[in-house]
Amino acid sequence: HGALLRMNRSIQAEGTFGIIKYDRRYKRIVRRGLDSVRVEIFLVSIGHNLYKIYNKQMRLREVA
C-alpha cells in the first residue's frame, strides 16, 4: 500500500513540475541565496496557480 502511495505522489508532483519546466519554459533558478531562491520559486508557483484559476474560470464561462 505504501509503495502505491509513493508512486502516485511522484506522478502528481512531476506533472506540475513538467508543466512549469516545459510548457512555461522555466528551466533554471536565476537568483542566489536561499531566501531569494524561495521567493523565486514562490512567485513561479503563484503564477502557475493563477494560470490554473484563470483557465478554470474561462471553462466555466464557456459552459454557462
C-alpha atoms as a PDB file:
ATOM      1  CA  HIS A   1       0.000   0.000   0.000  1.00  0.00           C
ATOM      2  CA  GLY A   2       2.819   2.424   0.877  1.00  0.00           C
ATOM      3  CA  ALA A   3       4.636   1.782  -2.412  1.00  0.00           C
ATOM      4  CA  LEU A   4       1.439   2.566  -4.321  1.00  0.00           C
ATOM      5  CA  LEU A   5       1.026   5.845  -2.440  1.00  0.00           C
ATOM      6  CA  ARG A   6       4.646   6.833  -3.156  1.00  0.00           C
ATOM      7  CA  MET A   7       4.215   6.033  -6.826  1.00  0.00           C
ATOM      8  CA  ASN A   8       1.037   8.138  -7.018  1.00  0.00           C
ATOM      9  CA  ARG A   9       2.703  11.067  -5.222  1.00  0.00           C
ATOM     10  CA  SER A  10       5.650  11.059  -7.605  1.00  0.00           C
ATOM     11  CA  ILE A  11       3.373  11.123 -10.644  1.00  0.00           C
ATOM     12  CA  GLN A  12       1.338  14.045  -9.295  1.00  0.00           C
ATOM     13  CA  ALA A  13       4.370  16.186  -8.460  1.00  0.00           C
ATOM     14  CA  GLU A  14       6.100  15.516 -11.763  1.00  0.00           C
ATOM     15  CA  GLY A  15       3.053  16.735 -13.668  1.00  0.00           C
ATOM     16  CA  THR A  16       3.222  20.155 -12.057  1.00  0.00           C
ATOM     17  CA  PHE A  17       6.987  20.485 -12.416  1.00  0.00           C
ATOM     18  CA  GLY A  18       6.794  19.273 -16.002  1.00  0.00           C
ATOM     19  CA  ILE A  19       4.242  21.944 -16.858  1.00  0.00           C
ATOM     20  CA  ILE A  20       6.329  24.649 -15.195  1.00  0.00           C
ATOM     21  CA  LYS A  21       9.578  23.493 -16.828  1.00  0.00           C
ATOM     22  CA  TYR A  22       8.467  22.687 -20.357  1.00  0.00           C
ATOM     23  CA  ASP A  23       5.181  24.484 -21.023  1.00  0.00           C
ATOM     24  CA  ARG A  24       6.209  27.692 -19.226  1.00  0.00           C
ATOM     25  CA  ARG A  25       9.879  27.417 -20.301  1.00  0.00           C
ATOM     26  CA  TYR A  26      11.157  27.850 -16.740  1.00  0.00           C
ATOM     27  CA  LYS A  27      14.364  25.837 -16.721  1.00  0.00           C
ATOM     28  CA  ARG A  28      16.711  27.457 -14.238  1.00  0.00           C
ATOM     29  CA  ILE A  29      16.640  29.365 -10.969  1.00  0.00           C
ATOM     30  CA  VAL A  30      18.293  32.724 -11.580  1.00  0.00           C
ATOM     31  CA  ARG A  31      18.670  34.000  -8.023  1.00  0.00           C
ATOM     32  CA  ARG A  32      21.363  33.172  -5.498  1.00  0.00           C
ATOM     33  CA  GLY A  33      20.883  32.651  -1.815  1.00  0.00           C
ATOM     34  CA  LEU A  34      18.304  30.550  -0.043  1.00  0.00           C
ATOM     35  CA  ASP A  35      15.845  33.383   0.622  1.00  0.00           C
ATOM     36  CA  SER A  36      15.991  34.634  -2.974  1.00  0.00           C
ATOM     37  CA  VAL A  37      15.511  31.122  -4.345  1.00  0.00           C
ATOM     38  CA  ARG A  38      12.487  30.602  -2.101  1.00  0.00           C
ATOM     39  CA  VAL A  39      10.947  33.871  -3.295  1.00  0.00           C
ATOM     40  CA  GLU A  40      11.582  32.966  -6.934  1.00  0.00           C
ATOM     41  CA  ILE A  41      10.003  29.526  -6.595  1.00  0.00           C
ATOM     42  CA  PHE A  42       7.126  31.062  -4.644  1.00  0.00           C
ATOM     43  CA  LEU A  43       6.460  33.563  -7.451  1.00  0.00           C
ATOM     44  CA  VAL A  44       6.635  30.867 -10.130  1.00  0.00           C
ATOM     45  CA  SER A  45       4.187  28.758  -8.102  1.00  0.00           C
ATOM     46  CA  ILE A  46       1.788  31.677  -7.685  1.00  0.00           C
ATOM     47  CA  GLY A  47       1.934  32.321 -11.427  1.00  0.00           C
ATOM     48  CA  HIS A  48       1.165  28.671 -12.134  1.00  0.00           C
ATOM     49  CA  ASN A  49      -1.783  28.640  -9.739  1.00  0.00           C
ATOM     50  CA  LEU A  50      -3.195  31.904 -11.126  1.00  0.00           C
ATOM     51  CA  TYR A  51      -2.971  30.460 -14.627  1.00  0.00           C
ATOM     52  CA  LYS A  52      -4.907  27.371 -13.495  1.00  0.00           C
ATOM     53  CA  ILE A  53      -7.586  29.505 -11.810  1.00  0.00           C
ATOM     54  CA  TYR A  54      -7.941  31.699 -14.895  1.00  0.00           C
ATOM     55  CA  ASN A  55      -8.339  28.690 -17.198  1.00  0.00           C
ATOM     56  CA  LYS A  56     -10.912  27.136 -14.878  1.00  0.00           C
ATOM     57  CA  GLN A  57     -12.952  30.350 -14.841  1.00  0.00           C
ATOM     58  CA  MET A  58     -12.819  30.577 -18.643  1.00  0.00           C
ATOM     59  CA  ARG A  59     -14.042  26.998 -18.998  1.00  0.00           C
ATOM     60  CA  LEU A  60     -16.912  27.696 -16.594  1.00  0.00           C
ATOM     61  CA  ARG A  61     -17.899  30.796 -18.595  1.00  0.00           C
ATOM     62  CA  GLU A  62     -17.934  28.803 -21.829  1.00  0.00           C
ATOM     63  CA  VAL A  63     -20.273  26.194 -20.313  1.00  0.00           C
ATOM     64  CA  ALA A  64     -22.653  28.804 -18.868  1.00  0.00           C
END
